[in-house]
Amino acid sequence: MAQTKKEIQSLLSEAQAAPRQRLGQNFMIDGNLVRLVAEAPQIASGDLVLEIGPGTGTLTEELLKTGADLLAVEIDRNLASLLRQRFAAVSNFRLIEGDALAGKHSLNAQLLQAIAQAKSANRTIRLAANLPYNIASPLAVELLLAGVDVLAFTVQREVADRLRATSGKEYGPLSIMTQLLAKVEVLRKMPPQAFWPMPKVDSALVRLTRQDQLGKRAEEFSTFIHRLFSSRRKMLRKALTQAEVDADRVLAATGVPPTIRPEELSPQRCWDLFVACDASCELRG
């Protein structure tokens, strides 16, 4: 059974810990939603399951019931100590103490190694997590790039809207990268009352099922898209020129109208423009 608010507060007190806003810590206190998050990635016993930000272990307990190997990553030293004590006798639990991200565009080395080992053994890798809101967007993209097959996680509603957006102000590089790497589903909304401390915004449960269309050129494509969308409301010819692209040649090769704006381009059209770029495009800068 999922931990209640009072149980979480008691565990935090024992660990001499408290919710840290800087780390985006909001603990799930709705037992039904905890179970939904655990069920969303559809875990099988032979999978490697990742949990980022396990906190006091309420979702961890549900995930361990699947019999899959669970690798948890916790940055908070006091909470990591608590987790080691609570699950010391559990053979399918392993903990990495540290930040899941080694930088804005790189994963923790131990986490990356574990993913690579699981992939070499042809194991399915799934994430189930109540992600710290301050790292959710870059972490989701990096996990997809690393080869994680399914990601199911809670996130701020506005981030969920950006992940699945196809137009409007929410649509941008995150939408495009994610949709070219995965099938995006927003499974349900989550009210602030489902968490403690209560966030000021609604949340959502998101599932990303990896369908990688970028391959080894993902980093170059990301650079291209961010440059292009820095002029998202300008006409495409000008935006391409400012992104250091031979605009006329690329537009002629793709048939994309020069008068539309970058924010009107579908993810596939963005990829077509990128592919049409020649060696003169300085995409690694």
Protein backbone atom coordinates (compact mmCIF):
# COMPACT_ATOMS: atom_id res chain seq x y z
CA MET A 1 0.00 0.00 0.00
CA ALA A 2 1.27 3.48 -0.93
CA GLN A 3 2.56 5.71 1.83
CA THR A 4 0.23 8.30 3.33
CA LYS A 5 1.22 11.91 3.85
CA LYS A 6 1.71 11.22 7.57
CA GLU A 7 3.93 8.18 6.82
CA ILE A 8 6.05 10.19 4.38
CA GLN A 9 6.47 12.98 6.93
CA SER A 10 7.48 10.43 9.55
CA LEU A 11 10.06 8.82 7.24
CA LEU A 12 11.49 12.23 6.36
CA SER A 13 11.76 13.09 10.04
CA GLU A 14 13.62 9.84 10.74
CA ALA A 15 16.00 10.61 7.88
CA GLN A 16 16.48 14.19 9.09
CA ALA A 17 15.21 15.35 5.72
CA ALA A 18 12.56 17.75 4.44
CA PRO A 19 11.11 18.54 0.99
CA ARG A 20 13.63 20.58 -0.96
CA GLN A 21 12.13 22.98 -3.46
CA ARG A 22 15.50 23.37 -5.19
CA LEU A 23 15.40 19.68 -6.11
CA GLY A 24 11.76 19.79 -7.22
CA GLN A 25 10.65 17.39 -4.49
CA ASN A 26 6.89 16.81 -4.31
CA PHE A 27 5.89 13.44 -2.85
CA MET A 28 2.93 11.47 -4.21
CA ILE A 29 0.33 10.84 -1.48
CA ASP A 30 -2.56 9.48 -3.58
CA GLY A 31 -2.29 5.68 -3.46
CA ASN A 32 -4.42 5.13 -6.57
CA LEU A 33 -2.21 7.43 -8.63
CA VAL A 34 0.96 5.77 -7.32
CA ARG A 35 -0.39 2.45 -8.64
CA LEU A 36 -1.30 4.05 -11.97
CA VAL A 37 2.27 5.31 -12.42
CA ALA A 38 3.62 1.84 -11.57
CA GLU A 39 1.28 0.20 -14.09
CA ALA A 40 1.76 2.72 -16.92
CA PRO A 41 5.06 1.37 -18.35
CA GLN A 42 3.64 -2.20 -18.41
CA ILE A 43 6.58 -3.81 -16.63
CA ALA A 44 7.51 -7.48 -17.09
CA SER A 45 9.65 -9.47 -14.65
CA GLY A 46 12.72 -9.59 -16.93
CA ASP A 47 12.86 -5.83 -17.50
CA LEU A 48 15.27 -3.29 -16.10
CA VAL A 49 13.19 -0.58 -14.44
CA LEU A 50 14.54 2.89 -13.72
CA GLU A 51 13.18 5.21 -11.06
CA ILE A 52 14.54 8.75 -10.85
CA GLY A 53 13.89 10.59 -7.59
CA PRO A 54 12.39 7.74 -5.52
CA GLY A 55 12.17 9.91 -2.40
CA THR A 56 10.86 7.85 0.51
CA GLY A 57 10.19 4.83 -1.69
CA THR A 58 6.40 4.81 -2.04
CA LEU A 59 6.48 4.16 -5.82
CA THR A 60 9.56 1.98 -5.31
CA GLU A 61 7.51 -0.46 -3.24
CA GLU A 62 4.97 -0.86 -6.05
CA LEU A 63 7.65 -1.33 -8.70
CA LEU A 64 9.48 -4.02 -6.72
CA LYS A 65 6.27 -6.08 -6.64
CA THR A 66 6.68 -6.68 -10.39
CA GLY A 67 9.80 -8.77 -9.78
CA ALA A 68 11.80 -6.70 -12.27
CA ASP A 69 15.27 -5.38 -11.43
CA LEU A 70 14.92 -1.82 -10.18
CA LEU A 71 17.65 0.79 -10.46
CA ALA A 72 16.83 3.94 -8.48
CA VAL A 73 18.71 7.24 -8.70
CA GLU A 74 18.44 9.65 -5.76
CA ILE A 75 20.38 12.91 -5.42
CA ASP A 76 19.34 13.69 -1.83
CA ARG A 77 21.94 12.18 0.51
CA ASN A 78 19.54 11.73 3.44
CA LEU A 79 16.90 10.09 1.28
CA ALA A 80 19.51 7.83 -0.34
CA SER A 81 20.51 6.65 3.14
CA LEU A 82 16.86 6.02 3.99
CA LEU A 83 16.34 3.98 0.81
CA ARG A 84 19.44 1.87 1.43
CA GLN A 85 18.13 1.01 4.89
CA ARG A 86 14.58 0.29 3.77
CA PHE A 87 15.53 -1.97 0.84
CA ALA A 88 18.80 -3.46 2.09
CA ALA A 89 17.42 -6.99 1.98
CA VAL A 90 15.72 -6.66 -1.42
CA SER A 91 17.79 -8.47 -4.03
CA ASN A 92 16.28 -6.75 -7.09
CA PHE A 93 16.89 -3.21 -5.76
CA ARG A 94 19.96 -1.14 -6.61
CA LEU A 95 20.62 2.50 -5.81
CA ILE A 96 22.77 5.15 -7.43
CA GLU A 97 23.32 8.15 -5.17
CA GLY A 98 23.75 11.25 -7.28
CA ASP A 99 22.21 13.43 -9.98
CA ALA A 100 20.59 11.55 -12.87
CA LEU A 101 22.03 14.21 -15.19
CA ALA A 102 25.77 14.77 -15.47
CA GLY A 103 25.07 17.95 -17.45
CA LYS A 104 22.29 19.54 -19.46
CA HIS A 105 22.78 17.04 -22.28
CA SER A 106 24.33 13.99 -20.60
CA LEU A 107 23.29 11.27 -18.18
CA ASN A 108 24.95 10.14 -14.97
CA ALA A 109 27.80 7.83 -15.99
CA GLN A 110 26.62 4.95 -13.78
CA LEU A 111 23.09 5.25 -15.11
CA LEU A 112 24.32 5.36 -18.69
CA GLN A 113 26.47 2.28 -18.11
CA ALA A 114 23.53 0.35 -16.65
CA ILE A 115 21.37 1.25 -19.66
CA ALA A 116 24.13 0.18 -22.07
CA GLN A 117 24.58 -3.17 -20.28
CA ALA A 118 20.85 -3.86 -20.36
CA LYS A 119 20.68 -3.01 -24.06
CA SER A 120 23.62 -5.32 -24.85
CA ALA A 121 21.72 -8.10 -23.06
CA ASN A 122 18.60 -7.32 -25.14
CA ARG A 123 16.60 -6.39 -22.05
CA THR A 124 13.67 -4.02 -22.19
CA ILE A 125 14.30 -0.84 -20.19
CA ARG A 126 11.41 1.10 -18.68
CA LEU A 127 11.20 4.22 -16.55
CA ALA A 128 8.50 4.72 -13.93
CA ALA A 129 8.94 7.86 -11.88
CA ASN A 130 7.52 10.88 -10.17
CA LEU A 131 10.17 13.02 -11.81
CA PRO A 132 11.58 16.11 -10.12
CA TYR A 133 9.96 18.85 -12.17
CA ASN A 134 13.16 20.84 -12.60
CA ILE A 135 14.89 18.11 -14.65
CA ALA A 136 11.98 16.33 -16.36
CA SER A 137 12.32 17.80 -19.87
CA PRO A 138 16.07 17.29 -20.50
CA LEU A 139 16.05 13.96 -18.67
CA ALA A 140 13.23 12.50 -20.78
CA VAL A 141 15.04 13.37 -24.02
CA GLU A 142 18.38 12.01 -22.80
CA LEU A 143 16.81 8.73 -21.65
CA LEU A 144 15.16 8.27 -25.04
CA LEU A 145 18.45 8.98 -26.79
CA ALA A 146 20.20 6.45 -24.53
CA GLY A 147 17.75 3.75 -25.59
CA VAL A 148 15.16 3.50 -22.80
CA ASP A 149 12.14 1.78 -24.37
CA VAL A 150 9.24 3.21 -22.34
CA LEU A 151 9.09 6.22 -20.03
CA ALA A 152 6.08 6.73 -17.75
CA PHE A 153 6.34 9.71 -15.41
CA THR A 154 4.53 12.54 -13.73
CA VAL A 155 5.35 16.05 -14.82
CA GLN A 156 3.94 19.57 -14.72
CA ARG A 157 0.87 19.82 -16.96
CA GLU A 158 2.48 22.58 -19.02
CA VAL A 159 5.45 20.31 -19.79
CA ALA A 160 3.08 17.51 -20.81
CA ASP A 161 1.38 20.00 -23.15
CA ARG A 162 4.75 20.91 -24.67
CA LEU A 163 5.67 17.26 -25.20
CA ARG A 164 2.56 16.55 -27.28
CA ALA A 165 2.00 19.99 -28.88
CA THR A 166 1.68 20.21 -32.66
CA SER A 167 1.07 23.97 -32.85
CA GLY A 168 0.73 27.08 -30.72
CA LYS A 169 2.98 28.61 -28.11
CA GLU A 170 3.67 25.23 -26.45
CA TYR A 171 5.11 23.82 -29.69
CA GLY A 172 8.88 24.03 -30.01
CA PRO A 173 12.18 22.11 -29.95
CA LEU A 174 11.09 19.88 -27.04
CA SER A 175 7.90 18.89 -28.89
CA ILE A 176 9.80 18.15 -32.09
CA MET A 177 12.63 16.17 -30.50
CA THR A 178 10.28 14.09 -28.37
CA GLN A 179 7.83 13.33 -31.18
CA LEU A 180 10.64 12.19 -33.48
CA LEU A 181 11.98 9.95 -30.72
CA ALA A 182 8.77 8.49 -29.28
CA LYS A 183 5.03 8.05 -29.35
CA VAL A 184 3.71 10.60 -26.84
CA GLU A 185 0.66 9.89 -24.67
CA VAL A 186 -0.77 11.98 -21.84
CA LEU A 187 -2.60 9.34 -19.81
CA ARG A 188 -4.33 11.51 -17.22
CA LYS A 189 -4.30 14.77 -15.33
CA MET A 190 -3.23 14.87 -11.70
CA PRO A 191 -4.46 17.55 -9.29
CA PRO A 192 -2.14 19.40 -6.88
CA GLN A 193 -3.82 17.55 -4.00
CA ALA A 194 -2.18 14.30 -5.16
CA PHE A 195 1.19 15.61 -3.93
CA TRP A 196 2.82 16.95 -0.79
CA PRO A 197 3.95 19.67 -0.58
CA MET A 198 1.12 20.69 -2.87
CA PRO A 199 2.48 22.22 -6.11
CA LYS A 200 0.93 25.39 -7.48
CA VAL A 201 0.19 23.77 -10.85
CA ASP A 202 -1.61 20.71 -12.21
CA SER A 203 0.43 17.67 -13.16
CA ALA A 204 -0.01 14.88 -15.70
CA LEU A 205 1.01 11.28 -16.19
CA VAL A 206 2.89 10.92 -19.48
CA ARG A 207 4.01 7.81 -21.36
CA LEU A 208 6.67 7.94 -24.07
CA THR A 209 7.18 4.79 -26.16
CA ARG A 210 10.47 4.98 -28.03
CA GLN A 211 10.28 5.17 -31.84
CA ASP A 212 13.62 6.73 -32.75
CA GLN A 213 13.65 8.51 -36.12
CA LEU A 214 16.81 10.54 -35.47
CA GLY A 215 19.52 7.91 -35.02
CA LYS A 216 23.08 9.11 -34.67
CA ARG A 217 22.27 12.62 -35.91
CA ALA A 218 20.09 13.53 -32.94
CA GLU A 219 22.58 15.98 -31.42
CA GLU A 220 23.12 17.83 -34.71
CA PHE A 221 19.37 17.93 -35.31
CA SER A 222 18.77 19.34 -31.83
CA THR A 223 21.28 22.13 -32.50
CA PHE A 224 19.60 22.89 -35.85
CA ILE A 225 16.10 23.01 -34.33
CA HIS A 226 17.12 25.28 -31.46
CA ARG A 227 18.76 27.68 -33.91
CA LEU A 228 15.74 27.62 -36.20
CA PHE A 229 13.27 28.23 -33.38
CA SER A 230 15.27 31.14 -32.01
CA SER A 231 13.53 32.93 -34.93
CA ARG A 232 10.28 30.98 -34.63
CA ARG A 233 8.00 33.85 -35.71
CA LYS A 234 10.07 35.03 -38.66
CA MET A 235 9.53 33.80 -42.21
CA LEU A 236 11.34 30.56 -42.86
CA ARG A 237 13.83 31.88 -45.41
CA LYS A 238 15.09 34.47 -42.92
CA ALA A 239 15.05 32.00 -40.03
CA LEU A 240 17.11 29.50 -42.02
CA THR A 241 19.59 32.19 -43.03
CA GLN A 242 20.01 33.24 -39.41
CA ALA A 243 20.57 29.56 -38.55
CA GLU A 244 23.53 29.64 -40.99
CA VAL A 245 21.77 27.54 -43.62
CA ASP A 246 21.77 28.00 -47.43
CA ALA A 247 18.08 28.86 -47.32
CA ASP A 248 17.29 28.92 -51.06
CA ARG A 249 18.98 25.58 -51.68
CA VAL A 250 17.25 23.88 -48.74
CA LEU A 251 13.83 25.30 -49.58
CA ALA A 252 14.18 24.24 -53.21
CA ALA A 253 15.18 20.72 -52.20
CA THR A 254 12.26 20.26 -49.81
CA GLY A 255 9.50 22.27 -51.45
CA VAL A 256 8.68 23.95 -48.14
CA PRO A 257 7.15 27.43 -48.69
CA PRO A 258 9.63 30.16 -47.72
CA THR A 259 6.92 32.37 -46.22
CA ILE A 260 5.75 30.03 -43.44
CA ARG A 261 7.23 30.37 -39.97
CA PRO A 262 9.29 27.73 -38.12
CA GLU A 263 6.50 27.33 -35.56
CA GLU A 264 4.24 26.13 -38.40
CA LEU A 265 6.56 23.26 -39.39
CA SER A 266 5.64 19.70 -38.44
CA PRO A 267 8.36 17.55 -36.81
CA GLN A 268 8.74 15.62 -40.08
CA ARG A 269 9.19 18.80 -42.10
CA CYS A 270 11.80 20.01 -39.63
CA TRP A 271 13.67 16.75 -40.19
CA ASP A 272 13.35 17.13 -43.99
CA LEU A 273 14.89 20.61 -43.80
CA PHE A 274 17.73 19.29 -41.65
CA VAL A 275 18.47 16.42 -44.04
CA ALA A 276 18.52 18.85 -46.97
CA CYS A 277 21.25 20.93 -45.35
CA ASP A 278 24.65 20.47 -46.94
CA ALA A 279 28.08 20.40 -45.34
CA SER A 280 28.17 24.20 -45.21
CA CYS A 281 25.62 24.18 -42.38
CA GLU A 282 27.55 24.67 -39.16
CA LEU A 283 25.37 22.44 -36.99
CA ARG A 284 27.97 21.57 -34.41
CA GLY A 285 28.68 25.08 -33.27
